[in-house]
Amino acid sequence: MRVTSADYRAALAAAIKEYEALGEQRRDIDKRLAQLAHTIGTLSKLLGLTPTVPMGLTDAIRLVMRGGGVPMTPVEVRDRLHAIGFDVSKYSNDLAAVHTILKRLNHSGELRFVPRAPGRHQYTWNRPTTPVALGPDIVQFMRDNAHERAAMRATDASGADDEKRPTPPRRRRRATR
């Protein structure tokens, strides 16, 4: 039995499809974990309990940003830290500490800076659009394969409804920087 190039392409397409599905599941799980951590923190605060595993400011900000779902200003991040019961009283200037951590997380690529009006700049959790593990040649294959899938759907086995066939998506070119 001989393995053909088409077999390799089919295996690659299946692996990419599973990879994308698992990435989506991971994002959903991360979002739910962040929501539960907020709930646990709030309920613990209401009950007067202290956490058994202390969390640092950086991890608390990561938790707030992951679960936020929307861009937030440093003031909003600080307020959410208070809401989940994180004790920022040990910092002489809690807002300055939050600013510093947000800038570090932005510099490391975990957060993305969203410019707004002066004093209203925001940060959002950086969800990469392209997985880092995939090289440019595989990403190109994924794009080409998406066009092939659209073309296959357009030419259904019955051949009926010719006027209702979807047009394949147009290729978008990336701007060079």
C-alpha atoms as a PDB file:
ATOM      1  CA  MET A   1       0.000   0.000   0.000  1.00  0.00           C
ATOM      2  CA  ARG A   2       1.394   3.372  -1.033  1.00  0.00           C
ATOM      3  CA  VAL A   3       0.708   6.596   0.850  1.00  0.00           C
ATOM      4  CA  THR A   4       0.025   9.468  -1.513  1.00  0.00           C
ATOM      5  CA  SER A   5       0.361  13.192  -1.186  1.00  0.00           C
ATOM      6  CA  ALA A   6      -3.437  13.413  -0.993  1.00  0.00           C
ATOM      7  CA  ASP A   7      -3.364  11.095   2.048  1.00  0.00           C
ATOM      8  CA  TYR A   8      -0.849  13.387   3.740  1.00  0.00           C
ATOM      9  CA  ARG A   9      -2.965  16.436   2.912  1.00  0.00           C
ATOM     10  CA  ALA A  10      -6.066  14.757   4.352  1.00  0.00           C
ATOM     11  CA  ALA A  11      -4.163  13.826   7.526  1.00  0.00           C
ATOM     12  CA  LEU A  12      -2.803  17.375   7.835  1.00  0.00           C
ATOM     13  CA  ALA A  13      -6.261  18.863   7.334  1.00  0.00           C
ATOM     14  CA  ALA A  14      -7.694  16.539  10.012  1.00  0.00           C
ATOM     15  CA  ALA A  15      -4.898  17.412  12.441  1.00  0.00           C
ATOM     16  CA  ILE A  16      -5.380  21.151  11.839  1.00  0.00           C
ATOM     17  CA  LYS A  17      -9.139  20.838  12.338  1.00  0.00           C
ATOM     18  CA  GLU A  18      -8.635  19.012  15.652  1.00  0.00           C
ATOM     19  CA  TYR A  19      -5.966  21.529  16.714  1.00  0.00           C
ATOM     20  CA  GLU A  20      -8.342  24.431  16.086  1.00  0.00           C
ATOM     21  CA  ALA A  21     -11.191  22.679  17.928  1.00  0.00           C
ATOM     22  CA  LEU A  22      -8.972  21.990  20.944  1.00  0.00           C
ATOM     23  CA  GLY A  23      -7.801  25.615  20.948  1.00  0.00           C
ATOM     24  CA  GLU A  24     -11.425  26.741  21.038  1.00  0.00           C
ATOM     25  CA  GLN A  25     -12.136  24.326  23.906  1.00  0.00           C
ATOM     26  CA  ARG A  26      -9.099  25.674  25.782  1.00  0.00           C
ATOM     27  CA  ARG A  27     -10.372  29.245  25.422  1.00  0.00           C
ATOM     28  CA  ASP A  28     -13.801  28.177  26.702  1.00  0.00           C
ATOM     29  CA  ILE A  29     -12.256  26.322  29.648  1.00  0.00           C
ATOM     30  CA  ASP A  30      -9.970  29.270  30.505  1.00  0.00           C
ATOM     31  CA  LYS A  31     -12.946  31.622  30.432  1.00  0.00           C
ATOM     32  CA  ARG A  32     -15.003  29.333  32.679  1.00  0.00           C
ATOM     33  CA  LEU A  33     -12.081  28.868  35.105  1.00  0.00           C
ATOM     34  CA  ALA A  34     -11.717  32.631  35.371  1.00  0.00           C
ATOM     35  CA  GLN A  35     -15.452  33.001  36.038  1.00  0.00           C
ATOM     36  CA  LEU A  36     -15.308  30.346  38.749  1.00  0.00           C
ATOM     37  CA  ALA A  37     -12.258  31.951  40.335  1.00  0.00           C
ATOM     38  CA  HIS A  38     -14.191  35.242  40.497  1.00  0.00           C
ATOM     39  CA  THR A  39     -17.124  33.446  42.096  1.00  0.00           C
ATOM     40  CA  ILE A  40     -14.932  31.633  44.604  1.00  0.00           C
ATOM     41  CA  GLY A  41     -13.112  34.842  45.504  1.00  0.00           C
ATOM     42  CA  THR A  42     -16.324  36.792  45.971  1.00  0.00           C
ATOM     43  CA  LEU A  43     -18.033  34.080  48.017  1.00  0.00           C
ATOM     44  CA  SER A  44     -14.921  33.617  50.147  1.00  0.00           C
ATOM     45  CA  LYS A  45     -14.843  37.343  50.826  1.00  0.00           C
ATOM     46  CA  LEU A  46     -18.522  37.363  51.762  1.00  0.00           C
ATOM     47  CA  LEU A  47     -17.928  34.486  54.184  1.00  0.00           C
ATOM     48  CA  GLY A  48     -14.857  36.159  55.680  1.00  0.00           C
ATOM     49  CA  LEU A  49     -12.557  33.356  54.550  1.00  0.00           C
ATOM     50  CA  THR A  50      -8.953  33.878  53.539  1.00  0.00           C
ATOM     51  CA  PRO A  51      -7.488  32.019  50.586  1.00  0.00           C
ATOM     52  CA  THR A  52      -5.327  29.021  51.437  1.00  0.00           C
ATOM     53  CA  VAL A  53      -3.069  29.662  48.462  1.00  0.00           C
ATOM     54  CA  PRO A  54      -2.142  33.332  48.297  1.00  0.00           C
ATOM     55  CA  MET A  55      -2.155  34.791  44.804  1.00  0.00           C
ATOM     56  CA  GLY A  56       0.273  37.445  43.652  1.00  0.00           C
ATOM     57  CA  LEU A  57      -0.820  40.670  42.003  1.00  0.00           C
ATOM     58  CA  THR A  58       0.322  39.559  38.544  1.00  0.00           C
ATOM     59  CA  ASP A  59      -1.693  36.314  38.690  1.00  0.00           C
ATOM     60  CA  ALA A  60      -4.718  38.163  40.078  1.00  0.00           C
ATOM     61  CA  ILE A  61      -4.560  40.656  37.196  1.00  0.00           C
ATOM     62  CA  ARG A  62      -4.224  37.795  34.706  1.00  0.00           C
ATOM     63  CA  LEU A  63      -7.318  36.235  36.249  1.00  0.00           C
ATOM     64  CA  VAL A  64      -9.278  39.484  36.016  1.00  0.00           C
ATOM     65  CA  MET A  65      -8.211  40.132  32.414  1.00  0.00           C
ATOM     66  CA  ARG A  66      -8.939  36.570  31.236  1.00  0.00           C
ATOM     67  CA  GLY A  67     -12.399  36.603  32.732  1.00  0.00           C
ATOM     68  CA  GLY A  68     -13.206  40.172  31.755  1.00  0.00           C
ATOM     69  CA  GLY A  69     -14.016  39.554  28.129  1.00  0.00           C
ATOM     70  CA  VAL A  70     -13.876  43.280  27.364  1.00  0.00           C
ATOM     71  CA  PRO A  71     -11.067  45.856  27.310  1.00  0.00           C
ATOM     72  CA  MET A  72     -10.538  47.462  30.724  1.00  0.00           C
ATOM     73  CA  THR A  73      -8.824  50.562  32.053  1.00  0.00           C
ATOM     74  CA  PRO A  74      -6.339  50.196  34.918  1.00  0.00           C
ATOM     75  CA  VAL A  75      -8.963  51.684  37.274  1.00  0.00           C
ATOM     76  CA  GLU A  76     -11.488  49.027  36.185  1.00  0.00           C
ATOM     77  CA  VAL A  77      -8.872  46.302  36.739  1.00  0.00           C
ATOM     78  CA  ARG A  78      -8.199  47.626  40.247  1.00  0.00           C
ATOM     79  CA  ASP A  79     -11.931  47.711  40.986  1.00  0.00           C
ATOM     80  CA  ARG A  80     -12.340  44.126  39.797  1.00  0.00           C
ATOM     81  CA  LEU A  81      -9.448  43.080  42.024  1.00  0.00           C
ATOM     82  CA  HIS A  82     -11.359  44.591  44.946  1.00  0.00           C
ATOM     83  CA  ALA A  83     -14.542  42.829  43.784  1.00  0.00           C
ATOM     84  CA  ILE A  84     -12.942  39.370  43.817  1.00  0.00           C
ATOM     85  CA  GLY A  85     -11.523  40.012  47.256  1.00  0.00           C
ATOM     86  CA  PHE A  86      -7.886  40.546  46.376  1.00  0.00           C
ATOM     87  CA  ASP A  87      -6.158  42.545  49.107  1.00  0.00           C
ATOM     88  CA  VAL A  88      -4.290  45.454  47.528  1.00  0.00           C
ATOM     89  CA  SER A  89      -3.845  47.296  50.840  1.00  0.00           C
ATOM     90  CA  LYS A  90      -0.222  46.137  51.060  1.00  0.00           C
ATOM     91  CA  TYR A  91       0.627  48.440  48.143  1.00  0.00           C
ATOM     92  CA  SER A  92       1.126  52.107  48.995  1.00  0.00           C
ATOM     93  CA  ASN A  93      -0.236  53.095  45.566  1.00  0.00           C
ATOM     94  CA  ASP A  94      -2.389  50.243  44.294  1.00  0.00           C
ATOM     95  CA  LEU A  95      -3.186  51.926  40.984  1.00  0.00           C
ATOM     96  CA  ALA A  96       0.509  52.450  40.190  1.00  0.00           C
ATOM     97  CA  ALA A  97       1.155  48.758  40.908  1.00  0.00           C
ATOM     98  CA  VAL A  98      -1.723  47.766  38.602  1.00  0.00           C
ATOM     99  CA  HIS A  99      -0.367  50.070  35.853  1.00  0.00           C
ATOM    100  CA  THR A 100       3.089  48.527  36.164  1.00  0.00           C
ATOM    101  CA  ILE A 101       1.790  44.963  35.922  1.00  0.00           C
ATOM    102  CA  LEU A 102      -0.467  45.813  32.958  1.00  0.00           C
ATOM    103  CA  LYS A 103       2.478  47.367  31.115  1.00  0.00           C
ATOM    104  CA  ARG A 104       4.639  44.300  31.803  1.00  0.00           C
ATOM    105  CA  LEU A 105       1.926  41.920  30.621  1.00  0.00           C
ATOM    106  CA  ASN A 106       1.446  44.052  27.508  1.00  0.00           C
ATOM    107  CA  HIS A 107       5.199  44.004  26.829  1.00  0.00           C
ATOM    108  CA  SER A 108       5.279  40.202  27.218  1.00  0.00           C
ATOM    109  CA  GLY A 109       2.378  39.810  24.769  1.00  0.00           C
ATOM    110  CA  GLU A 110      -0.189  38.488  27.236  1.00  0.00           C
ATOM    111  CA  LEU A 111      -2.222  41.689  27.019  1.00  0.00           C
ATOM    112  CA  ARG A 112      -2.890  44.082  24.177  1.00  0.00           C
ATOM    113  CA  PHE A 113      -2.924  47.848  24.658  1.00  0.00           C
ATOM    114  CA  VAL A 114      -6.029  49.569  23.256  1.00  0.00           C
ATOM    115  CA  PRO A 115      -5.426  53.310  22.739  1.00  0.00           C
ATOM    116  CA  ARG A 116      -8.354  55.520  23.673  1.00  0.00           C
ATOM    117  CA  ALA A 117      -8.805  59.124  24.768  1.00  0.00           C
ATOM    118  CA  PRO A 118      -6.129  60.375  27.182  1.00  0.00           C
ATOM    119  CA  GLY A 119      -6.634  58.797  30.594  1.00  0.00           C
ATOM    120  CA  ARG A 120      -8.985  56.144  29.173  1.00  0.00           C
ATOM    121  CA  HIS A 121      -6.495  53.728  27.612  1.00  0.00           C
ATOM    122  CA  GLN A 122      -7.512  50.108  27.980  1.00  0.00           C
ATOM    123  CA  TYR A 123      -5.972  46.661  27.969  1.00  0.00           C
ATOM    124  CA  THR A 124      -7.499  43.426  26.721  1.00  0.00           C
ATOM    125  CA  TRP A 125      -6.480  39.785  26.974  1.00  0.00           C
ATOM    126  CA  ASN A 126      -4.470  38.937  23.890  1.00  0.00           C
ATOM    127  CA  ARG A 127      -6.007  35.975  22.126  1.00  0.00           C
ATOM    128  CA  PRO A 128      -3.664  35.051  19.299  1.00  0.00           C
ATOM    129  CA  THR A 129      -5.409  34.579  15.975  1.00  0.00           C
ATOM    130  CA  THR A 130      -2.775  32.175  14.675  1.00  0.00           C
ATOM    131  CA  PRO A 131      -1.402  29.442  16.922  1.00  0.00           C
ATOM    132  CA  VAL A 132       2.299  29.901  17.518  1.00  0.00           C
ATOM    133  CA  ALA A 133       3.064  26.229  16.827  1.00  0.00           C
ATOM    134  CA  LEU A 134       2.057  26.540  13.171  1.00  0.00           C
ATOM    135  CA  GLY A 135       4.497  27.847  10.626  1.00  0.00           C
ATOM    136  CA  PRO A 136       3.589  30.157   7.750  1.00  0.00           C
ATOM    137  CA  ASP A 137       3.490  27.297   5.229  1.00  0.00           C
ATOM    138  CA  ILE A 138       0.921  25.405   7.311  1.00  0.00           C
ATOM    139  CA  VAL A 139      -1.160  28.540   7.810  1.00  0.00           C
ATOM    140  CA  GLN A 140      -1.141  29.046   4.039  1.00  0.00           C
ATOM    141  CA  PHE A 141      -2.227  25.418   3.586  1.00  0.00           C
ATOM    142  CA  MET A 142      -5.089  26.047   6.037  1.00  0.00           C
ATOM    143  CA  ARG A 143      -6.231  29.065   4.044  1.00  0.00           C
ATOM    144  CA  ASP A 144      -6.009  27.183   0.755  1.00  0.00           C
ATOM    145  CA  ASN A 145      -7.803  24.215   2.279  1.00  0.00           C
ATOM    146  CA  ALA A 146     -10.622  26.488   3.461  1.00  0.00           C
ATOM    147  CA  HIS A 147     -11.146  27.580  -0.147  1.00  0.00           C
ATOM    148  CA  GLU A 148     -11.150  23.937  -1.276  1.00  0.00           C
ATOM    149  CA  ARG A 149     -13.753  23.026   1.371  1.00  0.00           C
ATOM    150  CA  ALA A 150     -15.939  25.924   0.262  1.00  0.00           C
ATOM    151  CA  ALA A 151     -15.616  24.808  -3.351  1.00  0.00           C
ATOM    152  CA  MET A 152     -16.530  21.221  -2.419  1.00  0.00           C
ATOM    153  CA  ARG A 153     -19.631  22.425  -0.569  1.00  0.00           C
ATOM    154  CA  ALA A 154     -20.555  24.486  -3.616  1.00  0.00           C
ATOM    155  CA  THR A 155     -20.476  21.418  -5.861  1.00  0.00           C
ATOM    156  CA  ASP A 156     -22.790  19.088  -3.942  1.00  0.00           C
ATOM    157  CA  ALA A 157     -23.386  15.552  -5.128  1.00  0.00           C
ATOM    158  CA  SER A 158     -26.951  16.176  -6.262  1.00  0.00           C
ATOM    159  CA  GLY A 159     -26.096  19.079  -8.525  1.00  0.00           C
ATOM    160  CA  ALA A 160     -29.387  20.716  -7.606  1.00  0.00           C
ATOM    161  CA  ASP A 161     -29.903  24.335  -6.686  1.00  0.00           C
ATOM    162  CA  ASP A 162     -27.178  25.662  -8.953  1.00  0.00           C
ATOM    163  CA  GLU A 163     -28.312  29.251  -8.443  1.00  0.00           C
ATOM    164  CA  LYS A 164     -28.091  28.893  -4.615  1.00  0.00           C
ATOM    165  CA  ARG A 165     -24.454  27.812  -4.493  1.00  0.00           C
ATOM    166  CA  PRO A 166     -22.301  29.971  -2.208  1.00  0.00           C
ATOM    167  CA  THR A 167     -19.412  31.792  -3.726  1.00  0.00           C
ATOM    168  CA  PRO A 168     -16.016  30.817  -2.331  1.00  0.00           C
ATOM    169  CA  PRO A 169     -14.521  33.363   0.063  1.00  0.00           C
ATOM    170  CA  ARG A 170     -12.147  35.913  -1.393  1.00  0.00           C
ATOM    171  CA  ARG A 171      -8.515  35.740  -0.435  1.00  0.00           C
ATOM    172  CA  ARG A 172      -7.374  38.544   1.798  1.00  0.00           C
ATOM    173  CA  ARG A 173      -3.844  39.760   1.450  1.00  0.00           C
ATOM    174  CA  ARG A 174      -1.902  40.738   4.528  1.00  0.00           C
ATOM    175  CA  ALA A 175      -0.394  44.169   4.514  1.00  0.00           C
ATOM    176  CA  THR A 176       3.358  44.221   4.837  1.00  0.00           C
ATOM    177  CA  ARG A 177       4.731  46.186   7.730  1.00  0.00           C
END
